[in-house]
Structures are given as structure tokens and as C-alpha cells.
Amino acid sequence: MRKKPKIFDSIKTMIDIGEEITAQQVIDRLINMGRKEIPTKKSLSVKFKNDKQFVVIKRGRCPTIFKRIL
């Protein structure tokens, strides 16, 4: 039986390889796509930091930028 993809799996598919993105931009895309379940910025940041497919780019007091490498 086929299951619906988890929210983080669907987020990874909508981010291109080499693209730099913030957690707020991900949330805005999900809202524009009509997704009903929206994760918090904090939970997205934790997932991105622990995932090997993303590199964390720190820029002082600005929002953390994540870059997909794989």
C-alpha cells in the first residue's frame, strides 16, 4: 500500500540542488501550494541541520540559509 510522503520528504523534493533557501521561504512555498500541515520554522531548521543533503550557511543576525547539495 502506497503512503503519502512525509512533510519533510515533500519539502526536499521541491528544493532544487544548489538552491539556497531559508525556513520562512519554505513555509511560504508550502502555503502557496495549498498544503494544510505547515511545520514551524524551528522544526524545519532542526531537520535541515541534521540532514546530510543540506549545508548550513550562517550570516550573522540574518535568518539561517540552507543550501541543498545532494
PDB file of N, CA and C in Angstrom:
ATOM      1  N   MET A   1       0.840  -1.176   0.000  1.00  0.00           N
ATOM      2  CA  MET A   1       0.000   0.000   0.000  1.00  0.00           C
ATOM      3  C   MET A   1       0.894   1.252   0.000  1.00  0.00           C
ATOM      4  N   ARG A   2       0.610   2.158  -0.894  1.00  0.00           N
ATOM      5  CA  ARG A   2       1.400   3.385  -1.022  1.00  0.00           C
ATOM      6  C   ARG A   2       0.926   4.422  -0.007  1.00  0.00           C
ATOM      7  N   LYS A   3       1.906   5.060   0.648  1.00  0.00           N
ATOM      8  CA  LYS A   3       1.586   6.067   1.652  1.00  0.00           C
ATOM      9  C   LYS A   3       1.890   7.460   1.118  1.00  0.00           C
ATOM     10  N   LYS A   4       1.250   8.449   1.708  1.00  0.00           N
ATOM     11  CA  LYS A   4       1.525   9.840   1.400  1.00  0.00           C
ATOM     12  C   LYS A   4       2.913  10.194   1.943  1.00  0.00           C
ATOM     13  N   PRO A   5       3.727  10.944   1.182  1.00  0.00           N
ATOM     14  CA  PRO A   5       5.064  11.268   1.688  1.00  0.00           C
ATOM     15  C   PRO A   5       5.000  12.162   2.927  1.00  0.00           C
ATOM     16  N   LYS A   6       5.965  11.991   3.796  1.00  0.00           N
ATOM     17  CA  LYS A   6       6.054  12.839   4.975  1.00  0.00           C
ATOM     18  C   LYS A   6       6.320  14.271   4.529  1.00  0.00           C
ATOM     19  N   ILE A   7       6.002  15.223   5.389  1.00  0.00           N
ATOM     20  CA  ILE A   7       6.126  16.632   5.027  1.00  0.00           C
ATOM     21  C   ILE A   7       7.564  16.994   4.672  1.00  0.00           C
ATOM     22  N   PHE A   8       8.535  16.468   5.406  1.00  0.00           N
ATOM     23  CA  PHE A   8       9.926  16.819   5.124  1.00  0.00           C
ATOM     24  C   PHE A   8      10.393  16.208   3.806  1.00  0.00           C
ATOM     25  N   ASP A   9       9.907  15.022   3.465  1.00  0.00           N
ATOM     26  CA  ASP A   9      10.264  14.414   2.180  1.00  0.00           C
ATOM     27  C   ASP A   9       9.722  15.240   1.008  1.00  0.00           C
ATOM     28  N   SER A  10       8.510  15.763   1.161  1.00  0.00           N
ATOM     29  CA  SER A  10       7.950  16.581   0.089  1.00  0.00           C
ATOM     30  C   SER A  10       8.651  17.930  -0.002  1.00  0.00           C
ATOM     31  N   ILE A  11       9.144  18.437   1.131  1.00  0.00           N
ATOM     32  CA  ILE A  11       9.908  19.691   1.108  1.00  0.00           C
ATOM     33  C   ILE A  11      11.217  19.488   0.361  1.00  0.00           C
ATOM     34  N   LYS A  12      11.888  18.358   0.597  1.00  0.00           N
ATOM     35  CA  LYS A  12      13.163  18.100  -0.076  1.00  0.00           C
ATOM     36  C   LYS A  12      12.987  18.000  -1.588  1.00  0.00           C
ATOM     37  N   THR A  13      11.867  17.468  -2.046  1.00  0.00           N
ATOM     38  CA  THR A  13      11.664  17.337  -3.489  1.00  0.00           C
ATOM     39  C   THR A  13      11.390  18.682  -4.156  1.00  0.00           C
ATOM     40  N   MET A  14      10.870  19.659  -3.410  1.00  0.00           N
ATOM     41  CA  MET A  14      10.567  20.943  -4.038  1.00  0.00           C
ATOM     42  C   MET A  14      11.755  21.912  -4.013  1.00  0.00           C
ATOM     43  N   ILE A  15      12.866  21.536  -3.338  1.00  0.00           N
ATOM     44  CA  ILE A  15      14.062  22.364  -3.302  1.00  0.00           C
ATOM     45  C   ILE A  15      15.070  21.796  -4.298  1.00  0.00           C
ATOM     46  N   ASP A  16      15.517  22.631  -5.219  1.00  0.00           N
ATOM     47  CA  ASP A  16      16.472  22.197  -6.244  1.00  0.00           C
ATOM     48  C   ASP A  16      17.867  22.036  -5.642  1.00  0.00           C
ATOM     49  N   ILE A  17      18.685  21.198  -6.274  1.00  0.00           N
ATOM     50  CA  ILE A  17      20.071  21.018  -5.840  1.00  0.00           C
ATOM     51  C   ILE A  17      20.837  22.308  -6.139  1.00  0.00           C
ATOM     52  N   GLY A  18      21.564  22.796  -5.140  1.00  0.00           N
ATOM     53  CA  GLY A  18      22.311  24.045  -5.273  1.00  0.00           C
ATOM     54  C   GLY A  18      21.528  25.276  -4.877  1.00  0.00           C
ATOM     55  N   GLU A  19      20.254  25.112  -4.586  1.00  0.00           N
ATOM     56  CA  GLU A  19      19.413  26.254  -4.210  1.00  0.00           C
ATOM     57  C   GLU A  19      19.629  26.621  -2.744  1.00  0.00           C
ATOM     58  N   GLU A  20      19.697  27.919  -2.478  1.00  0.00           N
ATOM     59  CA  GLU A  20      19.816  28.420  -1.111  1.00  0.00           C
ATOM     60  C   GLU A  20      18.456  28.936  -0.679  1.00  0.00           C
ATOM     61  N   ILE A  21      18.025  28.533   0.528  1.00  0.00           N
ATOM     62  CA  ILE A  21      16.673  28.851   0.967  1.00  0.00           C
ATOM     63  C   ILE A  21      16.635  28.991   2.488  1.00  0.00           C
ATOM     64  N   THR A  22      15.724  29.813   2.981  1.00  0.00           N
ATOM     65  CA  THR A  22      15.518  29.942   4.423  1.00  0.00           C
ATOM     66  C   THR A  22      14.268  29.162   4.818  1.00  0.00           C
ATOM     67  N   ALA A  23      14.093  28.970   6.112  1.00  0.00           N
ATOM     68  CA  ALA A  23      12.924  28.236   6.597  1.00  0.00           C
ATOM     69  C   ALA A  23      11.636  28.994   6.270  1.00  0.00           C
ATOM     70  N   GLN A  24      11.666  30.326   6.347  1.00  0.00           N
ATOM     71  CA  GLN A  24      10.473  31.113   6.037  1.00  0.00           C
ATOM     72  C   GLN A  24      10.076  30.980   4.578  1.00  0.00           C
ATOM     73  N   GLN A  25      11.044  30.912   3.679  1.00  0.00           N
ATOM     74  CA  GLN A  25      10.740  30.735   2.259  1.00  0.00           C
ATOM     75  C   GLN A  25      10.098  29.375   2.001  1.00  0.00           C
ATOM     76  N   VAL A  26      10.540  28.352   2.724  1.00  0.00           N
ATOM     77  CA  VAL A  26       9.936  27.021   2.590  1.00  0.00           C
ATOM     78  C   VAL A  26       8.475  27.073   3.037  1.00  0.00           C
ATOM     79  N   ILE A  27       8.223  27.721   4.160  1.00  0.00           N
ATOM     80  CA  ILE A  27       6.853  27.830   4.672  1.00  0.00           C
ATOM     81  C   ILE A  27       5.974  28.594   3.687  1.00  0.00           C
ATOM     82  N   ASP A  28       6.499  29.671   3.099  1.00  0.00           N
ATOM     83  CA  ASP A  28       5.734  30.434   2.109  1.00  0.00           C
ATOM     84  C   ASP A  28       5.386  29.584   0.893  1.00  0.00           C
ATOM     85  N   ARG A  29       6.326  28.749   0.447  1.00  0.00           N
ATOM     86  CA  ARG A  29       6.044  27.854  -0.691  1.00  0.00           C
ATOM     87  C   ARG A  29       4.958  26.844  -0.348  1.00  0.00           C
ATOM     88  N   LEU A  30       5.023  26.301   0.862  1.00  0.00           N
ATOM     89  CA  LEU A  30       4.009  25.326   1.271  1.00  0.00           C
ATOM     90  C   LEU A  30       2.625  25.953   1.315  1.00  0.00           C
ATOM     91  N   ILE A  31       2.550  27.176   1.807  1.00  0.00           N
ATOM     92  CA  ILE A  31       1.259  27.874   1.858  1.00  0.00           C
ATOM     93  C   ILE A  31       0.746  28.135   0.450  1.00  0.00           C
ATOM     94  N   ASN A  32       1.629  28.562  -0.454  1.00  0.00           N
ATOM     95  CA  ASN A  32       1.233  28.816  -1.843  1.00  0.00           C
ATOM     96  C   ASN A  32       0.776  27.550  -2.553  1.00  0.00           C
ATOM     97  N   MET A  33       1.348  26.397  -2.169  1.00  0.00           N
ATOM     98  CA  MET A  33       0.967  25.125  -2.775  1.00  0.00           C
ATOM     99  C   MET A  33      -0.353  24.607  -2.213  1.00  0.00           C
ATOM    100  N   GLY A  34      -0.851  25.226  -1.144  1.00  0.00           N
ATOM    101  CA  GLY A  34      -2.114  24.803  -0.560  1.00  0.00           C
ATOM    102  C   GLY A  34      -1.975  23.690   0.460  1.00  0.00           C
ATOM    103  N   ARG A  35      -0.790  23.495   0.979  1.00  0.00           N
ATOM    104  CA  ARG A  35      -0.553  22.447   1.979  1.00  0.00           C
ATOM    105  C   ARG A  35      -1.216  22.833   3.291  1.00  0.00           C
ATOM    106  N   LYS A  36      -1.884  21.918   3.927  1.00  0.00           N
ATOM    107  CA  LYS A  36      -2.618  22.219   5.154  1.00  0.00           C
ATOM    108  C   LYS A  36      -1.766  22.084   6.397  1.00  0.00           C
ATOM    109  N   GLU A  37      -0.857  21.133   6.404  1.00  0.00           N
ATOM    110  CA  GLU A  37       0.004  20.979   7.579  1.00  0.00           C
ATOM    111  C   GLU A  37       1.311  21.720   7.321  1.00  0.00           C
ATOM    112  N   ILE A  38       1.575  22.722   8.142  1.00  0.00           N
ATOM    113  CA  ILE A  38       2.754  23.566   7.981  1.00  0.00           C
ATOM    114  C   ILE A  38       3.634  23.402   9.217  1.00  0.00           C
ATOM    115  N   PRO A  39       4.888  22.972   9.038  1.00  0.00           N
ATOM    116  CA  PRO A  39       5.787  22.856  10.196  1.00  0.00           C
ATOM    117  C   PRO A  39       6.259  24.227  10.655  1.00  0.00           C
ATOM    118  N   THR A  40       6.780  24.301  11.866  1.00  0.00           N
ATOM    119  CA  THR A  40       7.304  25.555  12.381  1.00  0.00           C
ATOM    120  C   THR A  40       8.696  25.810  11.813  1.00  0.00           C
ATOM    121  N   LYS A  41       9.140  27.061  11.888  1.00  0.00           N
ATOM    122  CA  LYS A  41      10.479  27.402  11.406  1.00  0.00           C
ATOM    123  C   LYS A  41      11.543  26.670  12.210  1.00  0.00           C
ATOM    124  N   LYS A  42      11.319  26.547  13.506  1.00  0.00           N
ATOM    125  CA  LYS A  42      12.292  25.871  14.377  1.00  0.00           C
ATOM    126  C   LYS A  42      12.430  24.398  13.988  1.00  0.00           C
ATOM    127  N   SER A  43      11.304  23.710  13.756  1.00  0.00           N
ATOM    128  CA  SER A  43      11.378  22.288  13.400  1.00  0.00           C
ATOM    129  C   SER A  43      12.031  22.091  12.032  1.00  0.00           C
ATOM    130  N   LEU A  44      11.767  22.997  11.099  1.00  0.00           N
ATOM    131  CA  LEU A  44      12.419  22.910   9.790  1.00  0.00           C
ATOM    132  C   LEU A  44      13.927  23.108   9.919  1.00  0.00           C
ATOM    133  N   SER A  45      14.330  24.082  10.717  1.00  0.00           N
ATOM    134  CA  SER A  45      15.757  24.344  10.902  1.00  0.00           C
ATOM    135  C   SER A  45      16.480  23.145  11.496  1.00  0.00           C
ATOM    136  N   VAL A  46      15.859  22.500  12.473  1.00  0.00           N
ATOM    137  CA  VAL A  46      16.461  21.321  13.099  1.00  0.00           C
ATOM    138  C   VAL A  46      16.593  20.193  12.084  1.00  0.00           C
ATOM    139  N   LYS A  47      15.565  19.977  11.271  1.00  0.00           N
ATOM    140  CA  LYS A  47      15.615  18.923  10.250  1.00  0.00           C
ATOM    141  C   LYS A  47      16.708  19.201   9.220  1.00  0.00           C
ATOM    142  N   PHE A  48      16.801  20.462   8.763  1.00  0.00           N
ATOM    143  CA  PHE A  48      17.819  20.814   7.778  1.00  0.00           C
ATOM    144  C   PHE A  48      19.217  20.667   8.346  1.00  0.00           C
ATOM    145  N   LYS A  49      19.423  21.052   9.595  1.00  0.00           N
ATOM    146  CA  LYS A  49      20.748  20.955  10.207  1.00  0.00           C
ATOM    147  C   LYS A  49      21.199  19.514  10.380  1.00  0.00           C
ATOM    148  N   ASN A  50      20.255  18.596  10.610  1.00  0.00           N
ATOM    149  CA  ASN A  50      20.591  17.188  10.824  1.00  0.00           C
ATOM    150  C   ASN A  50      20.633  16.374   9.536  1.00  0.00           C
ATOM    151  N   ASP A  51      20.195  16.944   8.424  1.00  0.00           N
ATOM    152  CA  ASP A  51      20.149  16.224   7.152  1.00  0.00           C
ATOM    153  C   ASP A  51      21.463  16.405   6.398  1.00  0.00           C
ATOM    154  N   LYS A  52      21.999  15.313   5.870  1.00  0.00           N
ATOM    155  CA  LYS A  52      23.267  15.347   5.137  1.00  0.00           C
ATOM    156  C   LYS A  52      23.140  16.022   3.771  1.00  0.00           C
ATOM    157  N   GLN A  53      21.920  16.190   3.264  1.00  0.00           N
ATOM    158  CA  GLN A  53      21.724  16.802   1.957  1.00  0.00           C
ATOM    159  C   GLN A  53      21.790  18.324   1.996  1.00  0.00           C
ATOM    160  N   PHE A  54      21.850  18.910   3.190  1.00  0.00           N
ATOM    161  CA  PHE A  54      21.839  20.357   3.324  1.00  0.00           C
ATOM    162  C   PHE A  54      23.081  20.851   4.059  1.00  0.00           C
ATOM    163  N   VAL A  55      23.589  22.009   3.621  1.00  0.00           N
ATOM    164  CA  VAL A  55      24.710  22.683   4.267  1.00  0.00           C
ATOM    165  C   VAL A  55      24.153  23.959   4.895  1.00  0.00           C
ATOM    166  N   VAL A  56      24.594  24.258   6.109  1.00  0.00           N
ATOM    167  CA  VAL A  56      24.125  25.439   6.814  1.00  0.00           C
ATOM    168  C   VAL A  56      25.058  26.601   6.503  1.00  0.00           C
ATOM    169  N   ILE A  57      24.465  27.713   6.076  1.00  0.00           N
ATOM    170  CA  ILE A  57      25.228  28.930   5.811  1.00  0.00           C
ATOM    171  C   ILE A  57      24.783  29.961   6.839  1.00  0.00           C
ATOM    172  N   LYS A  58      25.700  30.358   7.719  1.00  0.00           N
ATOM    173  CA  LYS A  58      25.375  31.339   8.766  1.00  0.00           C
ATOM    174  C   LYS A  58      25.699  32.735   8.257  1.00  0.00           C
ATOM    175  N   ARG A  59      24.820  33.674   8.545  1.00  0.00           N
ATOM    176  CA  ARG A  59      25.062  35.062   8.138  1.00  0.00           C
ATOM    177  C   ARG A  59      24.670  36.011   9.262  1.00  0.00           C
ATOM    178  N   GLY A  60      25.383  35.965  10.353  1.00  0.00           N
ATOM    179  CA  GLY A  60      25.166  36.905  11.454  1.00  0.00           C
ATOM    180  C   GLY A  60      23.771  36.826  12.041  1.00  0.00           C
ATOM    181  N   ARG A  61      23.102  37.973  12.114  1.00  0.00           N
ATOM    182  CA  ARG A  61      21.782  38.039  12.721  1.00  0.00           C
ATOM    183  C   ARG A  61      20.668  37.816  11.700  1.00  0.00           C
ATOM    184  N   CYS A  62      21.012  37.594  10.479  1.00  0.00           N
ATOM    185  CA  CYS A  62      20.016  37.310   9.445  1.00  0.00           C
ATOM    186  C   CYS A  62      19.507  35.874   9.611  1.00  0.00           C
ATOM    187  N   PRO A  63      18.389  35.538   8.967  1.00  0.00           N
ATOM    188  CA  PRO A  63      17.914  34.149   9.029  1.00  0.00           C
ATOM    189  C   PRO A  63      18.941  33.177   8.465  1.00  0.00           C
ATOM    190  N   THR A  64      18.987  31.986   9.036  1.00  0.00           N
ATOM    191  CA  THR A  64      19.922  30.959   8.579  1.00  0.00           C
ATOM    192  C   THR A  64      19.532  30.495   7.191  1.00  0.00           C
ATOM    193  N   ILE A  65      20.517  30.397   6.336  1.00  0.00           N
ATOM    194  CA  ILE A  65      20.288  29.966   4.949  1.00  0.00           C
ATOM    195  C   ILE A  65      20.813  28.535   4.811  1.00  0.00           C
ATOM    196  N   PHE A  66      20.003  27.688   4.177  1.00  0.00           N
ATOM    197  CA  PHE A  66      20.364  26.298   3.944  1.00  0.00           C
ATOM    198  C   PHE A  66      20.551  26.092   2.449  1.00  0.00           C
ATOM    199  N   LYS A  67      21.576  25.320   2.082  1.00  0.00           N
ATOM    200  CA  LYS A  67      21.843  25.026   0.679  1.00  0.00           C
ATOM    201  C   LYS A  67      21.802  23.521   0.481  1.00  0.00           C
ATOM    202  N   ARG A  68      21.027  23.096  -0.498  1.00  0.00           N
ATOM    203  CA  ARG A  68      20.930  21.661  -0.803  1.00  0.00           C
ATOM    204  C   ARG A  68      22.093  21.255  -1.701  1.00  0.00           C
ATOM    205  N   ILE A  69      22.820  20.223  -1.285  1.00  0.00           N
ATOM    206  CA  ILE A  69      23.997  19.802  -2.043  1.00  0.00           C
ATOM    207  C   ILE A  69      23.816  18.470  -2.743  1.00  0.00           C
ATOM    208  N   LEU A  70      22.885  17.639  -2.318  1.00  0.00           N
ATOM    209  CA  LEU A  70      22.660  16.337  -2.961  1.00  0.00           C
ATOM    210  C   LEU A  70      21.254  16.219  -3.462  1.00  0.00           C
TER     211      LEU A  70
END
